[in-house]
Amino acid sequence: MIIISVVVTYLSYYFNIVYAVDLTLLSIAIIFPLVFTIRGSFRRREKALEHLSEFRSTLKTVKYFFMINPQLDDANKERVTGILHNINDMVLDHLGSKDRSMSSVDEIINEVYNFVLSHNDQIPRQIRDRVFRFMKNMHESIENLHAIHIHRTPISLKAYCKIFIYIFPCIYAPTIISNLGEFAPVWITYFVVILTEFILISLYNIQMHLEYPFDNVGVDDIDLDNFRIDR
């Protein structure tokens, strides 16, 4: 974008392309949708943090229900603890990958249900009801995280912003030359055009990093290790 800004500004001076355009419409065409997508991406990140917190808390609660059951022996307690740890690891690993399939996660979650059924006589009804209630909350948090994982900001809106950011120097450079006047130093024009384009493309890149908070690429990505059962 810096190269495009320099080339367009040079061509504007070379061919004496100067005109005055009201930049209000351009700001509406670029800044408004860009800010809209950034706010949307930020909300996605905050929602992801809420669902991750709920996911970990429900796993811990379900684990406690099994641990306090005196009718389960130590071997079965270790088995169900291993299942819950596998659910935790597989969900977080899924979020950190580009895989869109949830089949393996669904299979490991079903093991909790199968465990409860196979030990129905050893798990009191009150504990079973509480386990399934919290498992419902865990299912909801996992599905919400999966939705954030596979769905992004509308592609058409991102493409619209990117196209206008690339077109912007072609309109902005001649307008800046006109506003500054022919006696203004040339370097000021280059500086203003490059700085403005740098700000726009930086905001666009920030939005790109925020909308997928699980890949550990951006500095503001979520540290998934903080949401493991044993952290």
C-alpha atoms as a PDB file:
ATOM      1  CA  MET A   1       0.000   0.000   0.000  1.00  0.00           C
ATOM      2  CA  ILE A   2       2.923   2.331   0.641  1.00  0.00           C
ATOM      3  CA  ILE A   3       4.241   1.597  -2.857  1.00  0.00           C
ATOM      4  CA  ILE A   4       0.818   2.278  -4.367  1.00  0.00           C
ATOM      5  CA  SER A   5       0.566   5.555  -2.438  1.00  0.00           C
ATOM      6  CA  VAL A   6       4.014   6.694  -3.607  1.00  0.00           C
ATOM      7  CA  VAL A   7       3.373   5.719  -7.240  1.00  0.00           C
ATOM      8  CA  VAL A   8      -0.053   7.384  -7.373  1.00  0.00           C
ATOM      9  CA  THR A   9       1.271  10.588  -5.777  1.00  0.00           C
ATOM     10  CA  TYR A  10       4.216  10.675  -8.192  1.00  0.00           C
ATOM     11  CA  LEU A  11       1.926  10.175 -11.203  1.00  0.00           C
ATOM     12  CA  SER A  12      -0.388  12.905  -9.938  1.00  0.00           C
ATOM     13  CA  TYR A  13       2.513  15.362  -9.863  1.00  0.00           C
ATOM     14  CA  TYR A  14       3.982  14.111 -13.139  1.00  0.00           C
ATOM     15  CA  PHE A  15       0.746  14.374 -15.135  1.00  0.00           C
ATOM     16  CA  ASN A  16      -0.488  17.366 -13.154  1.00  0.00           C
ATOM     17  CA  ILE A  17      -3.636  15.547 -11.999  1.00  0.00           C
ATOM     18  CA  VAL A  18      -5.223  17.864  -9.457  1.00  0.00           C
ATOM     19  CA  TYR A  19      -8.859  18.115  -8.379  1.00  0.00           C
ATOM     20  CA  ALA A  20     -10.842  18.813  -5.234  1.00  0.00           C
ATOM     21  CA  VAL A  21     -13.178  16.077  -4.028  1.00  0.00           C
ATOM     22  CA  ASP A  22     -15.255  16.116  -0.872  1.00  0.00           C
ATOM     23  CA  LEU A  23     -13.617  13.417   1.252  1.00  0.00           C
ATOM     24  CA  THR A  24     -16.679  13.036   3.469  1.00  0.00           C
ATOM     25  CA  LEU A  25     -18.191  10.481   1.115  1.00  0.00           C
ATOM     26  CA  LEU A  26     -14.923   8.564   0.991  1.00  0.00           C
ATOM     27  CA  SER A  27     -14.696   8.487   4.761  1.00  0.00           C
ATOM     28  CA  ILE A  28     -18.238   7.090   4.889  1.00  0.00           C
ATOM     29  CA  ALA A  29     -17.393   4.542   2.203  1.00  0.00           C
ATOM     30  CA  ILE A  30     -14.263   3.290   3.999  1.00  0.00           C
ATOM     31  CA  ILE A  31     -14.159   4.285   7.666  1.00  0.00           C
ATOM     32  CA  PHE A  32     -17.747   3.408   8.549  1.00  0.00           C
ATOM     33  CA  PRO A  33     -17.700  -0.211   7.278  1.00  0.00           C
ATOM     34  CA  LEU A  34     -14.144  -0.671   8.590  1.00  0.00           C
ATOM     35  CA  VAL A  35     -15.092   0.446  12.085  1.00  0.00           C
ATOM     36  CA  PHE A  36     -18.228  -1.696  11.858  1.00  0.00           C
ATOM     37  CA  THR A  37     -16.190  -4.834  11.077  1.00  0.00           C
ATOM     38  CA  ILE A  38     -13.649  -4.059  13.823  1.00  0.00           C
ATOM     39  CA  ARG A  39     -16.414  -3.676  16.401  1.00  0.00           C
ATOM     40  CA  GLY A  40     -17.988  -6.915  15.194  1.00  0.00           C
ATOM     41  CA  SER A  41     -14.660  -8.762  15.469  1.00  0.00           C
ATOM     42  CA  PHE A  42     -14.074  -7.350  18.957  1.00  0.00           C
ATOM     43  CA  ARG A  43     -17.509  -8.564  20.072  1.00  0.00           C
ATOM     44  CA  ARG A  44     -16.688 -12.033  18.676  1.00  0.00           C
ATOM     45  CA  ARG A  45     -13.511 -12.096  20.775  1.00  0.00           C
ATOM     46  CA  GLU A  46     -15.349 -11.052  23.948  1.00  0.00           C
ATOM     47  CA  LYS A  47     -18.058 -13.648  23.315  1.00  0.00           C
ATOM     48  CA  ALA A  48     -15.372 -16.289  22.794  1.00  0.00           C
ATOM     49  CA  LEU A  49     -13.885 -15.445  26.199  1.00  0.00           C
ATOM     50  CA  GLU A  50     -17.303 -15.779  27.840  1.00  0.00           C
ATOM     51  CA  HIS A  51     -17.988 -19.151  26.223  1.00  0.00           C
ATOM     52  CA  LEU A  52     -14.499 -20.457  27.055  1.00  0.00           C
ATOM     53  CA  SER A  53     -14.956 -19.477  30.701  1.00  0.00           C
ATOM     54  CA  GLU A  54     -18.333 -21.213  30.808  1.00  0.00           C
ATOM     55  CA  PHE A  55     -16.876 -24.266  29.062  1.00  0.00           C
ATOM     56  CA  ARG A  56     -14.110 -24.693  31.633  1.00  0.00           C
ATOM     57  CA  SER A  57     -16.367 -23.995  34.622  1.00  0.00           C
ATOM     58  CA  THR A  58     -18.951 -26.578  33.520  1.00  0.00           C
ATOM     59  CA  LEU A  59     -16.241 -29.187  32.997  1.00  0.00           C
ATOM     60  CA  LYS A  60     -14.858 -28.543  36.477  1.00  0.00           C
ATOM     61  CA  THR A  61     -18.351 -28.704  37.997  1.00  0.00           C
ATOM     62  CA  VAL A  62     -19.192 -31.992  36.284  1.00  0.00           C
ATOM     63  CA  LYS A  63     -15.871 -33.382  37.491  1.00  0.00           C
ATOM     64  CA  TYR A  64     -16.684 -32.383  41.085  1.00  0.00           C
ATOM     65  CA  PHE A  65     -20.073 -34.118  40.895  1.00  0.00           C
ATOM     66  CA  PHE A  66     -18.380 -37.383  39.975  1.00  0.00           C
ATOM     67  CA  MET A  67     -15.608 -36.942  42.543  1.00  0.00           C
ATOM     68  CA  ILE A  68     -17.995 -36.437  45.478  1.00  0.00           C
ATOM     69  CA  ASN A  69     -19.994 -39.555  44.626  1.00  0.00           C
ATOM     70  CA  PRO A  70     -18.992 -42.126  47.278  1.00  0.00           C
ATOM     71  CA  GLN A  71     -20.498 -44.997  45.286  1.00  0.00           C
ATOM     72  CA  LEU A  72     -17.957 -44.658  42.454  1.00  0.00           C
ATOM     73  CA  ASP A  73     -14.632 -46.407  43.016  1.00  0.00           C
ATOM     74  CA  ASP A  74     -11.311 -44.724  42.304  1.00  0.00           C
ATOM     75  CA  ALA A  75     -10.853 -46.500  38.971  1.00  0.00           C
ATOM     76  CA  ASN A  76     -14.144 -45.172  37.595  1.00  0.00           C
ATOM     77  CA  LYS A  77     -13.402 -41.705  38.953  1.00  0.00           C
ATOM     78  CA  GLU A  78     -10.082 -41.712  37.112  1.00  0.00           C
ATOM     79  CA  ARG A  79     -11.804 -42.956  33.966  1.00  0.00           C
ATOM     80  CA  VAL A  80     -14.438 -40.205  33.905  1.00  0.00           C
ATOM     81  CA  THR A  81     -11.786 -37.625  34.804  1.00  0.00           C
ATOM     82  CA  GLY A  82      -9.804 -38.771  31.776  1.00  0.00           C
ATOM     83  CA  ILE A  83     -12.881 -38.376  29.576  1.00  0.00           C
ATOM     84  CA  LEU A  84     -13.435 -34.817  30.808  1.00  0.00           C
ATOM     85  CA  HIS A  85      -9.765 -33.978  30.231  1.00  0.00           C
ATOM     86  CA  ASN A  86     -10.004 -35.373  26.700  1.00  0.00           C
ATOM     87  CA  ILE A  87     -13.057 -33.195  26.026  1.00  0.00           C
ATOM     88  CA  ASN A  88     -11.164 -30.168  27.274  1.00  0.00           C
ATOM     89  CA  ASP A  89      -8.081 -30.905  25.167  1.00  0.00           C
ATOM     90  CA  MET A  90      -9.958 -31.818  21.993  1.00  0.00           C
ATOM     91  CA  VAL A  91     -12.170 -28.721  22.047  1.00  0.00           C
ATOM     92  CA  LEU A  92      -9.227 -26.362  22.577  1.00  0.00           C
ATOM     93  CA  ASP A  93      -7.131 -28.161  19.954  1.00  0.00           C
ATOM     94  CA  HIS A  94     -10.063 -27.926  17.538  1.00  0.00           C
ATOM     95  CA  LEU A  95     -10.312 -24.169  18.073  1.00  0.00           C
ATOM     96  CA  GLY A  96      -6.590 -23.744  17.426  1.00  0.00           C
ATOM     97  CA  SER A  97      -6.743 -25.689  14.160  1.00  0.00           C
ATOM     98  CA  LYS A  98      -8.417 -25.029  10.822  1.00  0.00           C
ATOM     99  CA  ASP A  99     -10.519 -28.196  10.980  1.00  0.00           C
ATOM    100  CA  ARG A 100     -14.243 -27.513  10.572  1.00  0.00           C
ATOM    101  CA  SER A 101     -15.414 -31.005  11.568  1.00  0.00           C
ATOM    102  CA  MET A 102     -16.716 -31.634  15.087  1.00  0.00           C
ATOM    103  CA  SER A 103     -17.256 -35.394  14.755  1.00  0.00           C
ATOM    104  CA  SER A 104     -14.335 -36.392  17.005  1.00  0.00           C
ATOM    105  CA  VAL A 105     -15.401 -33.865  19.646  1.00  0.00           C
ATOM    106  CA  ASP A 106     -18.989 -35.132  19.566  1.00  0.00           C
ATOM    107  CA  GLU A 107     -17.783 -38.696  20.021  1.00  0.00           C
ATOM    108  CA  ILE A 108     -15.743 -37.924  23.120  1.00  0.00           C
ATOM    109  CA  ILE A 109     -18.602 -35.894  24.622  1.00  0.00           C
ATOM    110  CA  ASN A 110     -20.967 -38.841  24.151  1.00  0.00           C
ATOM    111  CA  GLU A 111     -18.652 -40.923  26.331  1.00  0.00           C
ATOM    112  CA  VAL A 112     -19.865 -38.996  29.377  1.00  0.00           C
ATOM    113  CA  TYR A 113     -23.443 -39.993  28.592  1.00  0.00           C
ATOM    114  CA  ASN A 114     -22.413 -43.600  28.009  1.00  0.00           C
ATOM    115  CA  PHE A 115     -20.458 -43.630  31.268  1.00  0.00           C
ATOM    116  CA  VAL A 116     -23.473 -42.398  33.237  1.00  0.00           C
ATOM    117  CA  LEU A 117     -25.725 -45.018  31.621  1.00  0.00           C
ATOM    118  CA  SER A 118     -23.285 -47.861  32.263  1.00  0.00           C
ATOM    119  CA  HIS A 119     -22.971 -46.846  35.940  1.00  0.00           C
ATOM    120  CA  ASN A 120     -26.580 -45.937  36.468  1.00  0.00           C
ATOM    121  CA  ASP A 121     -26.821 -47.945  39.690  1.00  0.00           C
ATOM    122  CA  GLN A 122     -23.725 -46.261  41.156  1.00  0.00           C
ATOM    123  CA  ILE A 123     -24.741 -42.668  40.394  1.00  0.00           C
ATOM    124  CA  PRO A 124     -27.677 -41.260  42.397  1.00  0.00           C
ATOM    125  CA  ARG A 125     -30.490 -39.678  40.425  1.00  0.00           C
ATOM    126  CA  GLN A 126     -29.832 -36.254  41.923  1.00  0.00           C
ATOM    127  CA  ILE A 127     -26.230 -36.308  40.734  1.00  0.00           C
ATOM    128  CA  ARG A 128     -27.259 -37.592  37.301  1.00  0.00           C
ATOM    129  CA  ASP A 129     -29.721 -34.732  36.880  1.00  0.00           C
ATOM    130  CA  ARG A 130     -27.086 -32.172  37.848  1.00  0.00           C
ATOM    131  CA  VAL A 131     -24.499 -33.723  35.556  1.00  0.00           C
ATOM    132  CA  PHE A 132     -26.837 -33.617  32.563  1.00  0.00           C
ATOM    133  CA  ARG A 133     -27.897 -30.064  33.346  1.00  0.00           C
ATOM    134  CA  PHE A 134     -24.304 -28.864  33.344  1.00  0.00           C
ATOM    135  CA  MET A 135     -23.528 -30.980  30.303  1.00  0.00           C
ATOM    136  CA  LYS A 136     -26.271 -29.060  28.503  1.00  0.00           C
ATOM    137  CA  ASN A 137     -24.497 -25.801  29.380  1.00  0.00           C
ATOM    138  CA  MET A 138     -21.229 -27.295  28.170  1.00  0.00           C
ATOM    139  CA  HIS A 139     -22.823 -28.308  24.866  1.00  0.00           C
ATOM    140  CA  GLU A 140     -24.093 -24.761  24.365  1.00  0.00           C
ATOM    141  CA  SER A 141     -20.703 -23.222  25.053  1.00  0.00           C
ATOM    142  CA  ILE A 142     -18.965 -25.677  22.689  1.00  0.00           C
ATOM    143  CA  GLU A 143     -21.456 -24.999  19.892  1.00  0.00           C
ATOM    144  CA  ASN A 144     -21.056 -21.241  20.344  1.00  0.00           C
ATOM    145  CA  LEU A 145     -17.265 -21.562  20.222  1.00  0.00           C
ATOM    146  CA  HIS A 146     -17.510 -23.731  17.118  1.00  0.00           C
ATOM    147  CA  ALA A 147     -19.742 -21.113  15.460  1.00  0.00           C
ATOM    148  CA  ILE A 148     -17.166 -18.409  16.211  1.00  0.00           C
ATOM    149  CA  HIS A 149     -14.450 -20.737  14.917  1.00  0.00           C
ATOM    150  CA  ILE A 150     -15.968 -21.418  11.487  1.00  0.00           C
ATOM    151  CA  HIS A 151     -17.889 -18.196  10.775  1.00  0.00           C
ATOM    152  CA  ARG A 152     -16.221 -14.887  10.021  1.00  0.00           C
ATOM    153  CA  THR A 153     -17.086 -11.328   9.139  1.00  0.00           C
ATOM    154  CA  PRO A 154     -19.121 -11.341   5.889  1.00  0.00           C
ATOM    155  CA  ILE A 155     -16.687 -11.825   3.005  1.00  0.00           C
ATOM    156  CA  SER A 156     -18.487  -9.271   0.834  1.00  0.00           C
ATOM    157  CA  LEU A 157     -18.036  -6.557   3.475  1.00  0.00           C
ATOM    158  CA  LYS A 158     -14.319  -7.319   3.891  1.00  0.00           C
ATOM    159  CA  ALA A 159     -13.814  -7.333   0.113  1.00  0.00           C
ATOM    160  CA  TYR A 160     -15.671  -4.011  -0.132  1.00  0.00           C
ATOM    161  CA  CYS A 161     -13.372  -2.428   2.469  1.00  0.00           C
ATOM    162  CA  LYS A 162     -10.216  -3.803   0.867  1.00  0.00           C
ATOM    163  CA  ILE A 163     -11.149  -2.626  -2.637  1.00  0.00           C
ATOM    164  CA  PHE A 164     -11.857   0.899  -1.459  1.00  0.00           C
ATOM    165  CA  ILE A 165      -8.627   1.009   0.553  1.00  0.00           C
ATOM    166  CA  TYR A 166      -6.673   0.181  -2.627  1.00  0.00           C
ATOM    167  CA  ILE A 167      -8.633   2.730  -4.660  1.00  0.00           C
ATOM    168  CA  PHE A 168      -8.372   5.450  -2.022  1.00  0.00           C
ATOM    169  CA  PRO A 169      -4.896   6.823  -2.993  1.00  0.00           C
ATOM    170  CA  CYS A 170      -6.077   7.430  -6.566  1.00  0.00           C
ATOM    171  CA  ILE A 171      -8.679   9.868  -5.284  1.00  0.00           C
ATOM    172  CA  TYR A 172      -6.908  11.115  -2.191  1.00  0.00           C
ATOM    173  CA  ALA A 173      -3.511  12.105  -3.649  1.00  0.00           C
ATOM    174  CA  PRO A 174      -4.813  14.647  -6.255  1.00  0.00           C
ATOM    175  CA  THR A 175      -7.167  16.089  -3.636  1.00  0.00           C
ATOM    176  CA  ILE A 176      -4.337  16.585  -1.128  1.00  0.00           C
ATOM    177  CA  ILE A 177      -2.232  18.277  -3.814  1.00  0.00           C
ATOM    178  CA  SER A 178      -5.143  20.624  -4.504  1.00  0.00           C
ATOM    179  CA  ASN A 179      -5.748  21.348  -0.823  1.00  0.00           C
ATOM    180  CA  LEU A 180      -2.097  22.015  -0.007  1.00  0.00           C
ATOM    181  CA  GLY A 181      -1.543  24.198  -3.051  1.00  0.00           C
ATOM    182  CA  GLU A 182       1.200  24.208  -5.650  1.00  0.00           C
ATOM    183  CA  PHE A 183       3.711  25.943  -3.378  1.00  0.00           C
ATOM    184  CA  ALA A 184       3.578  23.348  -0.608  1.00  0.00           C
ATOM    185  CA  PRO A 185       6.612  21.067  -0.255  1.00  0.00           C
ATOM    186  CA  VAL A 186       6.225  17.824  -2.174  1.00  0.00           C
ATOM    187  CA  TRP A 187       7.347  15.706   0.763  1.00  0.00           C
ATOM    188  CA  ILE A 188       4.353  16.869   2.815  1.00  0.00           C
ATOM    189  CA  THR A 189       1.978  15.472   0.194  1.00  0.00           C
ATOM    190  CA  TYR A 190       3.794  12.140   0.156  1.00  0.00           C
ATOM    191  CA  PHE A 191       3.801  12.042   3.949  1.00  0.00           C
ATOM    192  CA  VAL A 192       0.074  12.751   4.299  1.00  0.00           C
ATOM    193  CA  VAL A 193      -0.958  10.233   1.624  1.00  0.00           C
ATOM    194  CA  ILE A 194       1.327   7.480   2.953  1.00  0.00           C
ATOM    195  CA  LEU A 195       0.306   8.091   6.576  1.00  0.00           C
ATOM    196  CA  THR A 196      -3.412   8.001   5.762  1.00  0.00           C
ATOM    197  CA  GLU A 197      -3.089   4.823   3.732  1.00  0.00           C
ATOM    198  CA  PHE A 198      -0.944   3.244   6.449  1.00  0.00           C
ATOM    199  CA  ILE A 199      -3.661   3.963   9.028  1.00  0.00           C
ATOM    200  CA  LEU A 200      -6.377   2.438   6.849  1.00  0.00           C
ATOM    201  CA  ILE A 201      -4.492  -0.753   6.030  1.00  0.00           C
ATOM    202  CA  SER A 202      -3.426  -1.105   9.693  1.00  0.00           C
ATOM    203  CA  LEU A 203      -7.047  -0.922  10.821  1.00  0.00           C
ATOM    204  CA  TYR A 204      -7.942  -3.523   8.200  1.00  0.00           C
ATOM    205  CA  ASN A 205      -5.171  -5.847   9.431  1.00  0.00           C
ATOM    206  CA  ILE A 206      -6.291  -5.375  13.044  1.00  0.00           C
ATOM    207  CA  GLN A 207      -9.773  -6.442  12.047  1.00  0.00           C
ATOM    208  CA  MET A 208      -8.383  -9.517  10.275  1.00  0.00           C
ATOM    209  CA  HIS A 209      -6.498 -10.604  13.412  1.00  0.00           C
ATOM    210  CA  LEU A 210      -9.377  -9.902  15.795  1.00  0.00           C
ATOM    211  CA  GLU A 211     -11.989 -11.864  13.878  1.00  0.00           C
ATOM    212  CA  TYR A 212     -10.166 -15.162  14.468  1.00  0.00           C
ATOM    213  CA  PRO A 213      -8.909 -15.032  18.073  1.00  0.00           C
ATOM    214  CA  PHE A 214      -7.733 -18.654  18.367  1.00  0.00           C
ATOM    215  CA  ASP A 215      -4.777 -18.992  15.955  1.00  0.00           C
ATOM    216  CA  ASN A 216      -2.120 -17.261  18.144  1.00  0.00           C
ATOM    217  CA  VAL A 217      -1.088 -15.045  15.227  1.00  0.00           C
ATOM    218  CA  GLY A 218      -2.145 -11.615  16.497  1.00  0.00           C
ATOM    219  CA  VAL A 219      -0.923 -10.072  19.748  1.00  0.00           C
ATOM    220  CA  ASP A 220      -4.519  -9.918  21.037  1.00  0.00           C
ATOM    221  CA  ASP A 221      -5.358 -13.577  20.431  1.00  0.00           C
ATOM    222  CA  ILE A 222      -6.801 -15.691  23.237  1.00  0.00           C
ATOM    223  CA  ASP A 223      -4.401 -17.929  25.145  1.00  0.00           C
ATOM    224  CA  LEU A 224      -6.302 -21.218  25.017  1.00  0.00           C
ATOM    225  CA  ASP A 225      -3.981 -22.868  27.560  1.00  0.00           C
ATOM    226  CA  ASN A 226      -5.538 -20.690  30.250  1.00  0.00           C
ATOM    227  CA  PHE A 227      -8.808 -22.555  29.768  1.00  0.00           C
ATOM    228  CA  ARG A 228      -7.516 -26.061  30.332  1.00  0.00           C
ATOM    229  CA  ILE A 229      -8.755 -27.947  33.402  1.00  0.00           C
ATOM    230  CA  ASP A 230      -5.225 -28.304  34.778  1.00  0.00           C
ATOM    231  CA  ARG A 231      -3.581 -24.974  34.084  1.00  0.00           C
END
